[in-house]
């Protein structure tokens, strides 16, 4: 319990960057989910987070360096994958860093996480509906 309280009051630059990274990743996921057809999830591994933090600290711009690192290493590659139809609605993309590489790897882990849309089955005939031409057409109840 005291470790959690101590961590809560930790004002080190590293802790602040970690907190900012978590916040920015959540905002990015919200942006992705709010796009017209880009609804997919992504998961950033611990090693990828470490990579992003190192890049942000290398930039020496604090939170601004973190935003630049996120744009360069997460947003642009995700946008490219999406634009080239390598990511689809409902996918889960895992973002990871392999040892000693200066880039992140994107892997589509699960295809189509989204539940299938419910299709309503007709329950029966309701009656006739008259069209503009004066003919009647049977109407189905949903």
N, C-alpha and C. Protein backbone atom coordinates (compact mmCIF):
# COMPACT_ATOMS: atom_id res chain seq x y z
N UNK A 1 0.82 -1.19 0.00
CA UNK A 1 0.00 0.00 0.00
C UNK A 1 0.87 1.25 0.00
N UNK A 2 1.92 1.27 0.83
CA UNK A 2 2.77 2.46 0.88
C UNK A 2 3.53 2.64 -0.42
N UNK A 3 3.85 1.54 -1.11
CA UNK A 3 4.53 1.65 -2.40
C UNK A 3 3.61 2.34 -3.41
N UNK A 4 2.32 1.99 -3.36
CA UNK A 4 1.37 2.61 -4.28
C UNK A 4 1.24 4.10 -3.98
N UNK A 5 1.23 4.46 -2.71
CA UNK A 5 1.13 5.87 -2.33
C UNK A 5 2.40 6.60 -2.73
N UNK A 6 3.56 5.99 -2.50
CA UNK A 6 4.82 6.60 -2.87
C UNK A 6 4.89 6.80 -4.38
N UNK A 7 4.43 5.80 -5.13
CA UNK A 7 4.45 5.91 -6.58
C UNK A 7 3.51 7.02 -7.05
N UNK A 8 2.39 7.18 -6.34
CA UNK A 8 1.43 8.20 -6.71
C UNK A 8 2.04 9.60 -6.58
N UNK A 9 2.94 9.78 -5.61
CA UNK A 9 3.55 11.08 -5.38
C UNK A 9 4.92 11.21 -6.04
N UNK A 10 5.31 10.23 -6.83
CA UNK A 10 6.59 10.25 -7.51
C UNK A 10 6.56 11.34 -8.58
N UNK A 11 7.47 12.29 -8.49
CA UNK A 11 7.48 13.38 -9.47
C UNK A 11 8.70 13.30 -10.38
N UNK A 12 9.32 12.13 -10.45
CA UNK A 12 10.49 11.98 -11.32
C UNK A 12 10.09 12.15 -12.77
N UNK A 13 11.01 12.63 -13.60
CA UNK A 13 10.70 12.80 -15.02
C UNK A 13 10.28 11.49 -15.68
N UNK A 14 10.88 10.38 -15.28
CA UNK A 14 10.55 9.07 -15.84
C UNK A 14 9.09 8.72 -15.53
N UNK A 15 8.68 8.89 -14.28
CA UNK A 15 7.31 8.57 -13.89
C UNK A 15 6.32 9.48 -14.63
N UNK A 16 6.65 10.74 -14.77
CA UNK A 16 5.77 11.67 -15.48
C UNK A 16 5.64 11.27 -16.95
N UNK A 17 6.74 10.84 -17.56
CA UNK A 17 6.68 10.39 -18.95
C UNK A 17 5.85 9.12 -19.08
N UNK A 18 6.00 8.19 -18.13
CA UNK A 18 5.20 6.96 -18.16
C UNK A 18 3.72 7.28 -18.06
N UNK A 19 3.38 8.18 -17.16
CA UNK A 19 1.99 8.59 -16.98
C UNK A 19 1.47 9.26 -18.26
N UNK A 20 2.28 10.13 -18.84
CA UNK A 20 1.89 10.80 -20.08
C UNK A 20 1.73 9.80 -21.22
N UNK A 21 2.63 8.82 -21.28
CA UNK A 21 2.55 7.80 -22.32
C UNK A 21 1.23 7.04 -22.22
N UNK A 22 0.88 6.61 -21.03
CA UNK A 22 -0.38 5.88 -20.83
C UNK A 22 -1.56 6.74 -21.26
N UNK A 23 -1.55 7.99 -20.88
CA UNK A 23 -2.63 8.92 -21.23
C UNK A 23 -2.72 9.10 -22.75
N UNK A 24 -1.59 9.34 -23.39
CA UNK A 24 -1.56 9.56 -24.84
C UNK A 24 -1.99 8.32 -25.61
N UNK A 25 -1.60 7.13 -25.14
CA UNK A 25 -2.02 5.90 -25.80
C UNK A 25 -3.53 5.70 -25.69
N UNK A 26 -4.09 6.05 -24.53
CA UNK A 26 -5.55 5.97 -24.36
C UNK A 26 -6.26 6.95 -25.30
N UNK A 27 -5.74 8.16 -25.41
CA UNK A 27 -6.33 9.14 -26.33
C UNK A 27 -6.24 8.66 -27.78
N UNK A 28 -5.12 8.07 -28.13
CA UNK A 28 -4.95 7.56 -29.49
C UNK A 28 -5.94 6.43 -29.77
N UNK A 29 -6.14 5.54 -28.80
CA UNK A 29 -7.11 4.46 -28.99
C UNK A 29 -8.51 5.02 -29.18
N UNK A 30 -8.84 6.06 -28.43
CA UNK A 30 -10.15 6.71 -28.60
C UNK A 30 -10.28 7.30 -29.99
N UNK A 31 -9.23 7.96 -30.47
CA UNK A 31 -9.26 8.52 -31.82
C UNK A 31 -9.49 7.45 -32.86
N UNK A 32 -8.83 6.31 -32.70
CA UNK A 32 -8.98 5.21 -33.65
C UNK A 32 -10.42 4.70 -33.63
N UNK A 33 -10.98 4.54 -32.45
CA UNK A 33 -12.33 4.00 -32.34
C UNK A 33 -13.39 4.97 -32.84
N UNK A 34 -13.08 6.25 -32.89
CA UNK A 34 -14.06 7.23 -33.33
C UNK A 34 -14.02 7.49 -34.83
N UNK A 35 -13.05 6.91 -35.54
CA UNK A 35 -13.00 7.13 -36.99
C UNK A 35 -14.14 6.39 -37.66
N UNK A 36 -14.45 6.81 -38.87
CA UNK A 36 -15.61 6.27 -39.58
C UNK A 36 -15.51 4.77 -39.82
N UNK A 37 -14.38 4.30 -40.29
CA UNK A 37 -14.29 2.86 -40.56
C UNK A 37 -13.04 2.23 -39.96
N UNK A 38 -12.36 2.94 -39.09
CA UNK A 38 -11.10 2.45 -38.56
C UNK A 38 -11.19 1.86 -37.17
N UNK A 39 -12.28 1.25 -36.86
CA UNK A 39 -12.45 0.73 -35.51
C UNK A 39 -11.67 -0.55 -35.32
N UNK A 40 -10.48 -0.43 -34.72
CA UNK A 40 -9.67 -1.58 -34.36
C UNK A 40 -8.98 -1.26 -33.04
N UNK A 41 -8.49 -2.26 -32.39
CA UNK A 41 -7.80 -2.08 -31.12
C UNK A 41 -6.31 -2.32 -31.32
N UNK A 42 -5.50 -1.69 -30.50
CA UNK A 42 -4.08 -1.97 -30.52
C UNK A 42 -3.59 -2.17 -29.09
N UNK A 43 -2.54 -2.96 -28.97
CA UNK A 43 -1.96 -3.27 -27.67
C UNK A 43 -0.46 -3.00 -27.78
N UNK A 44 0.07 -2.17 -26.90
CA UNK A 44 1.48 -1.82 -26.90
C UNK A 44 2.16 -2.61 -25.79
N UNK A 45 3.14 -3.44 -26.16
CA UNK A 45 3.83 -4.27 -25.18
C UNK A 45 4.75 -3.43 -24.30
N UNK A 46 5.24 -4.04 -23.23
CA UNK A 46 6.13 -3.37 -22.30
C UNK A 46 7.42 -2.93 -23.01
N UNK A 47 7.97 -3.81 -23.83
CA UNK A 47 9.21 -3.44 -24.53
C UNK A 47 8.99 -2.30 -25.52
N UNK A 48 7.82 -2.25 -26.14
CA UNK A 48 7.51 -1.14 -27.04
C UNK A 48 7.34 0.16 -26.25
N UNK A 49 6.74 0.08 -25.08
CA UNK A 49 6.59 1.26 -24.23
C UNK A 49 7.97 1.79 -23.80
N UNK A 50 8.85 0.87 -23.43
CA UNK A 50 10.21 1.25 -23.07
C UNK A 50 10.90 1.97 -24.22
N UNK A 51 10.74 1.42 -25.42
CA UNK A 51 11.30 2.02 -26.62
C UNK A 51 10.80 3.45 -26.79
N UNK A 52 9.48 3.64 -26.65
CA UNK A 52 8.89 4.97 -26.80
C UNK A 52 9.40 5.94 -25.74
N UNK A 53 9.54 5.45 -24.51
CA UNK A 53 10.06 6.31 -23.44
C UNK A 53 11.51 6.71 -23.71
N UNK A 54 12.31 5.76 -24.19
CA UNK A 54 13.70 6.07 -24.52
C UNK A 54 13.78 7.11 -25.64
N UNK A 55 12.94 6.94 -26.65
CA UNK A 55 12.91 7.90 -27.75
C UNK A 55 12.47 9.27 -27.26
N UNK A 56 11.50 9.31 -26.37
CA UNK A 56 11.01 10.58 -25.83
C UNK A 56 12.09 11.26 -25.00
N UNK A 57 12.85 10.48 -24.23
CA UNK A 57 13.91 11.06 -23.41
C UNK A 57 15.09 11.49 -24.28
N UNK A 58 15.33 10.77 -25.38
CA UNK A 58 16.39 11.18 -26.31
C UNK A 58 16.10 12.53 -26.92
N UNK A 59 14.83 12.79 -27.16
CA UNK A 59 14.43 14.06 -27.77
C UNK A 59 14.65 15.23 -26.83
N UNK A 60 14.68 14.99 -25.54
CA UNK A 60 14.89 16.02 -24.51
C UNK A 60 13.84 17.14 -24.55
N UNK A 61 12.67 16.79 -24.99
CA UNK A 61 11.60 17.78 -25.02
C UNK A 61 10.47 17.44 -24.05
N UNK A 62 10.67 16.46 -23.19
CA UNK A 62 9.65 16.09 -22.23
C UNK A 62 8.41 15.53 -22.90
N UNK A 63 7.25 16.06 -22.52
CA UNK A 63 5.98 15.57 -23.07
C UNK A 63 5.89 15.80 -24.57
N UNK A 64 6.47 16.87 -25.06
CA UNK A 64 6.45 17.13 -26.50
C UNK A 64 7.26 16.07 -27.24
N UNK A 65 8.38 15.66 -26.66
CA UNK A 65 9.18 14.58 -27.25
C UNK A 65 8.41 13.28 -27.29
N UNK A 66 7.60 13.05 -26.28
CA UNK A 66 6.76 11.85 -26.25
C UNK A 66 5.74 11.89 -27.37
N UNK A 67 5.11 13.03 -27.56
CA UNK A 67 4.13 13.15 -28.64
C UNK A 67 4.78 12.94 -30.01
N UNK A 68 5.98 13.48 -30.18
CA UNK A 68 6.70 13.29 -31.43
C UNK A 68 7.04 11.82 -31.65
N UNK A 69 7.47 11.14 -30.59
CA UNK A 69 7.79 9.72 -30.69
C UNK A 69 6.54 8.90 -31.01
N UNK A 70 5.42 9.23 -30.39
CA UNK A 70 4.17 8.52 -30.68
C UNK A 70 3.74 8.72 -32.12
N UNK A 71 3.84 9.94 -32.60
CA UNK A 71 3.46 10.20 -33.99
C UNK A 71 4.35 9.40 -34.94
N UNK A 72 5.64 9.45 -34.71
CA UNK A 72 6.58 8.82 -35.62
C UNK A 72 6.53 7.29 -35.58
N UNK A 73 6.43 6.73 -34.38
CA UNK A 73 6.57 5.28 -34.24
C UNK A 73 5.25 4.52 -34.10
N UNK A 74 4.15 5.22 -33.80
CA UNK A 74 2.86 4.54 -33.65
C UNK A 74 1.83 5.05 -34.66
N UNK A 75 1.57 6.36 -34.65
CA UNK A 75 0.47 6.91 -35.45
C UNK A 75 0.72 6.73 -36.95
N UNK A 76 1.88 7.15 -37.44
CA UNK A 76 2.15 7.05 -38.88
C UNK A 76 2.16 5.60 -39.37
N UNK A 77 2.82 4.67 -38.66
CA UNK A 77 2.76 3.28 -39.13
C UNK A 77 1.34 2.70 -39.09
N UNK A 78 0.57 3.01 -38.04
CA UNK A 78 -0.81 2.52 -37.98
C UNK A 78 -1.64 3.08 -39.13
N UNK A 79 -1.47 4.37 -39.40
CA UNK A 79 -2.20 5.00 -40.51
C UNK A 79 -1.82 4.36 -41.84
N UNK A 80 -0.55 4.05 -42.02
CA UNK A 80 -0.09 3.41 -43.23
C UNK A 80 -0.68 2.01 -43.38
N UNK A 81 -0.66 1.24 -42.29
CA UNK A 81 -1.24 -0.11 -42.33
C UNK A 81 -2.74 -0.05 -42.62
N UNK A 82 -3.41 0.91 -42.05
CA UNK A 82 -4.84 1.05 -42.27
C UNK A 82 -5.14 1.47 -43.70
N UNK A 83 -4.35 2.42 -44.20
CA UNK A 83 -4.57 2.93 -45.56
C UNK A 83 -4.32 1.85 -46.62
N UNK A 84 -3.45 0.91 -46.33
CA UNK A 84 -3.13 -0.15 -47.28
C UNK A 84 -3.93 -1.42 -47.01
N UNK A 85 -5.01 -1.29 -46.25
CA UNK A 85 -5.93 -2.40 -45.94
C UNK A 85 -5.26 -3.60 -45.27
N UNK A 86 -4.26 -3.35 -44.45
CA UNK A 86 -3.64 -4.43 -43.70
C UNK A 86 -4.25 -4.55 -42.31
N UNK A 87 -5.01 -3.54 -41.91
CA UNK A 87 -5.77 -3.56 -40.66
C UNK A 87 -7.22 -3.34 -41.03
N UNK A 88 -8.11 -4.13 -40.43
CA UNK A 88 -9.53 -4.04 -40.74
C UNK A 88 -10.35 -3.80 -39.49
N UNK A 89 -11.61 -3.50 -39.71
CA UNK A 89 -12.56 -3.30 -38.62
C UNK A 89 -12.54 -4.51 -37.68
N UNK A 90 -12.37 -4.25 -36.38
CA UNK A 90 -12.44 -5.31 -35.40
C UNK A 90 -11.13 -6.03 -35.13
N UNK A 91 -10.05 -5.66 -35.78
CA UNK A 91 -8.76 -6.33 -35.57
C UNK A 91 -8.11 -5.88 -34.26
N UNK A 92 -7.21 -6.71 -33.75
CA UNK A 92 -6.35 -6.36 -32.63
C UNK A 92 -4.92 -6.37 -33.15
N UNK A 93 -4.25 -5.24 -33.03
CA UNK A 93 -2.88 -5.09 -33.52
C UNK A 93 -1.95 -5.03 -32.31
N UNK A 94 -0.96 -5.89 -32.31
CA UNK A 94 0.03 -5.91 -31.23
C UNK A 94 1.26 -5.14 -31.71
N UNK A 95 1.67 -4.18 -30.90
CA UNK A 95 2.83 -3.35 -31.23
C UNK A 95 3.95 -3.75 -30.27
N UNK A 96 5.06 -4.20 -30.84
CA UNK A 96 6.15 -4.75 -30.04
C UNK A 96 7.49 -4.27 -30.59
N UNK A 97 8.51 -4.43 -29.81
CA UNK A 97 9.86 -4.14 -30.26
C UNK A 97 10.69 -5.40 -30.10
N UNK A 98 11.33 -5.79 -31.16
CA UNK A 98 12.26 -6.91 -31.08
C UNK A 98 13.61 -6.38 -30.63
N UNK A 99 14.39 -7.23 -30.06
CA UNK A 99 15.67 -6.85 -29.46
C UNK A 99 16.55 -6.05 -30.41
N UNK A 100 17.08 -4.98 -29.90
CA UNK A 100 18.10 -4.15 -30.57
C UNK A 100 17.68 -3.57 -31.92
N UNK A 101 16.40 -3.50 -32.18
CA UNK A 101 15.94 -2.86 -33.41
C UNK A 101 15.50 -1.45 -33.08
N UNK A 102 15.71 -0.54 -34.00
CA UNK A 102 15.35 0.86 -33.78
C UNK A 102 13.98 1.18 -34.39
N UNK A 103 13.10 0.23 -34.28
CA UNK A 103 11.74 0.42 -34.80
C UNK A 103 10.80 -0.51 -34.05
N UNK A 104 9.52 -0.31 -34.28
CA UNK A 104 8.50 -1.16 -33.67
C UNK A 104 7.91 -2.07 -34.74
N UNK A 105 7.44 -3.23 -34.30
CA UNK A 105 6.81 -4.19 -35.21
C UNK A 105 5.32 -4.25 -34.91
N UNK A 106 4.52 -4.29 -35.95
CA UNK A 106 3.07 -4.32 -35.84
C UNK A 106 2.57 -5.66 -36.35
N UNK A 107 1.83 -6.37 -35.51
CA UNK A 107 1.32 -7.69 -35.88
C UNK A 107 -0.18 -7.73 -35.63
N UNK A 108 -0.91 -8.16 -36.66
CA UNK A 108 -2.36 -8.32 -36.48
C UNK A 108 -2.56 -9.63 -35.74
N UNK A 109 -2.87 -9.53 -34.46
CA UNK A 109 -3.01 -10.70 -33.59
C UNK A 109 -4.34 -11.42 -33.80
N UNK A 110 -5.40 -10.67 -33.75
CA UNK A 110 -6.74 -11.25 -33.85
C UNK A 110 -7.48 -10.53 -34.95
N UNK A 111 -8.07 -11.32 -35.82
CA UNK A 111 -8.85 -10.73 -36.89
C UNK A 111 -10.31 -10.65 -36.46
N UNK A 112 -10.91 -9.52 -36.70
CA UNK A 112 -12.32 -9.28 -36.49
C UNK A 112 -12.78 -9.63 -35.07
N UNK A 113 -12.33 -8.83 -34.11
CA UNK A 113 -12.78 -8.96 -32.73
C UNK A 113 -14.24 -8.57 -32.55
N UNK A 114 -14.73 -7.74 -33.45
CA UNK A 114 -16.09 -7.21 -33.34
C UNK A 114 -17.10 -8.33 -33.45
N UNK A 115 -18.13 -8.29 -32.62
CA UNK A 115 -19.18 -9.31 -32.73
C UNK A 115 -19.93 -9.16 -34.05
N UNK A 116 -20.38 -10.26 -34.61
CA UNK A 116 -21.13 -10.16 -35.86
C UNK A 116 -22.39 -9.34 -35.65
N UNK A 117 -22.75 -8.60 -36.68
CA UNK A 117 -23.96 -7.79 -36.56
C UNK A 117 -25.18 -8.70 -36.49
N UNK A 118 -26.12 -8.27 -35.70
CA UNK A 118 -27.34 -9.07 -35.56
C UNK A 118 -28.23 -8.84 -36.76
N UNK A 119 -28.65 -9.90 -37.34
CA UNK A 119 -29.58 -9.80 -38.45
C UNK A 119 -30.96 -10.20 -37.96
N UNK A 120 -31.89 -9.37 -38.26
CA UNK A 120 -33.25 -9.67 -37.85
C UNK A 120 -33.89 -10.60 -38.87
N UNK A 121 -34.58 -11.56 -38.37
CA UNK A 121 -35.30 -12.49 -39.25
C UNK A 121 -36.75 -12.06 -39.32
N UNK A 122 -37.34 -12.15 -40.48
CA UNK A 122 -38.75 -11.80 -40.59
C UNK A 122 -39.60 -12.71 -39.71
N UNK A 123 -40.53 -12.09 -39.00
CA UNK A 123 -41.40 -12.88 -38.13
C UNK A 123 -42.67 -13.33 -38.84
N UNK A 124 -43.05 -12.65 -39.88
CA UNK A 124 -44.25 -13.06 -40.59
C UNK A 124 -44.84 -11.92 -41.39
N UNK A 125 -45.88 -12.22 -42.11
CA UNK A 125 -46.55 -11.22 -42.93
C UNK A 125 -47.40 -10.31 -42.07
N UNK A 126 -47.34 -9.02 -42.36
CA UNK A 126 -48.17 -8.07 -41.64
C UNK A 126 -49.39 -7.72 -42.46
N UNK A 127 -49.20 -7.53 -43.74
CA UNK A 127 -50.33 -7.17 -44.58
C UNK A 127 -49.83 -6.62 -45.90
N UNK A 128 -50.72 -5.95 -46.60
CA UNK A 128 -50.39 -5.41 -47.92
C UNK A 128 -50.08 -3.94 -47.82
N UNK A 129 -49.13 -3.51 -48.65
CA UNK A 129 -48.79 -2.10 -48.76
C UNK A 129 -48.96 -1.75 -50.23
N UNK A 130 -49.61 -0.61 -50.49
CA UNK A 130 -49.84 -0.19 -51.86
C UNK A 130 -48.67 0.68 -52.33
N UNK A 131 -48.18 0.41 -53.51
CA UNK A 131 -47.08 1.17 -54.10
C UNK A 131 -47.63 2.32 -54.93
N UNK A 132 -46.75 3.14 -55.49
CA UNK A 132 -47.15 4.28 -56.33
C UNK A 132 -47.89 3.83 -57.58
N UNK A 133 -47.58 2.63 -58.04
CA UNK A 133 -48.22 2.15 -59.28
C UNK A 133 -49.60 1.56 -59.00
N UNK A 134 -50.04 1.53 -57.75
CA UNK A 134 -51.35 1.02 -57.42
C UNK A 134 -51.36 -0.47 -57.13
N UNK A 135 -50.23 -1.16 -57.27
CA UNK A 135 -50.16 -2.60 -56.96
C UNK A 135 -49.89 -2.77 -55.48
N UNK A 136 -50.34 -3.86 -54.93
CA UNK A 136 -50.08 -4.15 -53.52
C UNK A 136 -48.92 -5.13 -53.41
N UNK A 137 -48.14 -4.93 -52.36
CA UNK A 137 -46.99 -5.77 -52.08
C UNK A 137 -47.13 -6.26 -50.66
N UNK A 138 -46.82 -7.54 -50.42
CA UNK A 138 -46.89 -8.08 -49.06
C UNK A 138 -45.78 -7.48 -48.21
N UNK A 139 -46.10 -7.10 -47.01
CA UNK A 139 -45.13 -6.48 -46.10
C UNK A 139 -44.78 -7.47 -45.00
N UNK A 140 -43.50 -7.55 -44.68
CA UNK A 140 -43.02 -8.45 -43.64
C UNK A 140 -42.80 -7.69 -42.35
N UNK A 141 -43.04 -8.36 -41.25
CA UNK A 141 -42.76 -7.79 -39.93
C UNK A 141 -41.35 -8.22 -39.53
N UNK A 142 -40.62 -7.30 -38.94
CA UNK A 142 -39.26 -7.62 -38.47
C UNK A 142 -39.25 -7.77 -36.98
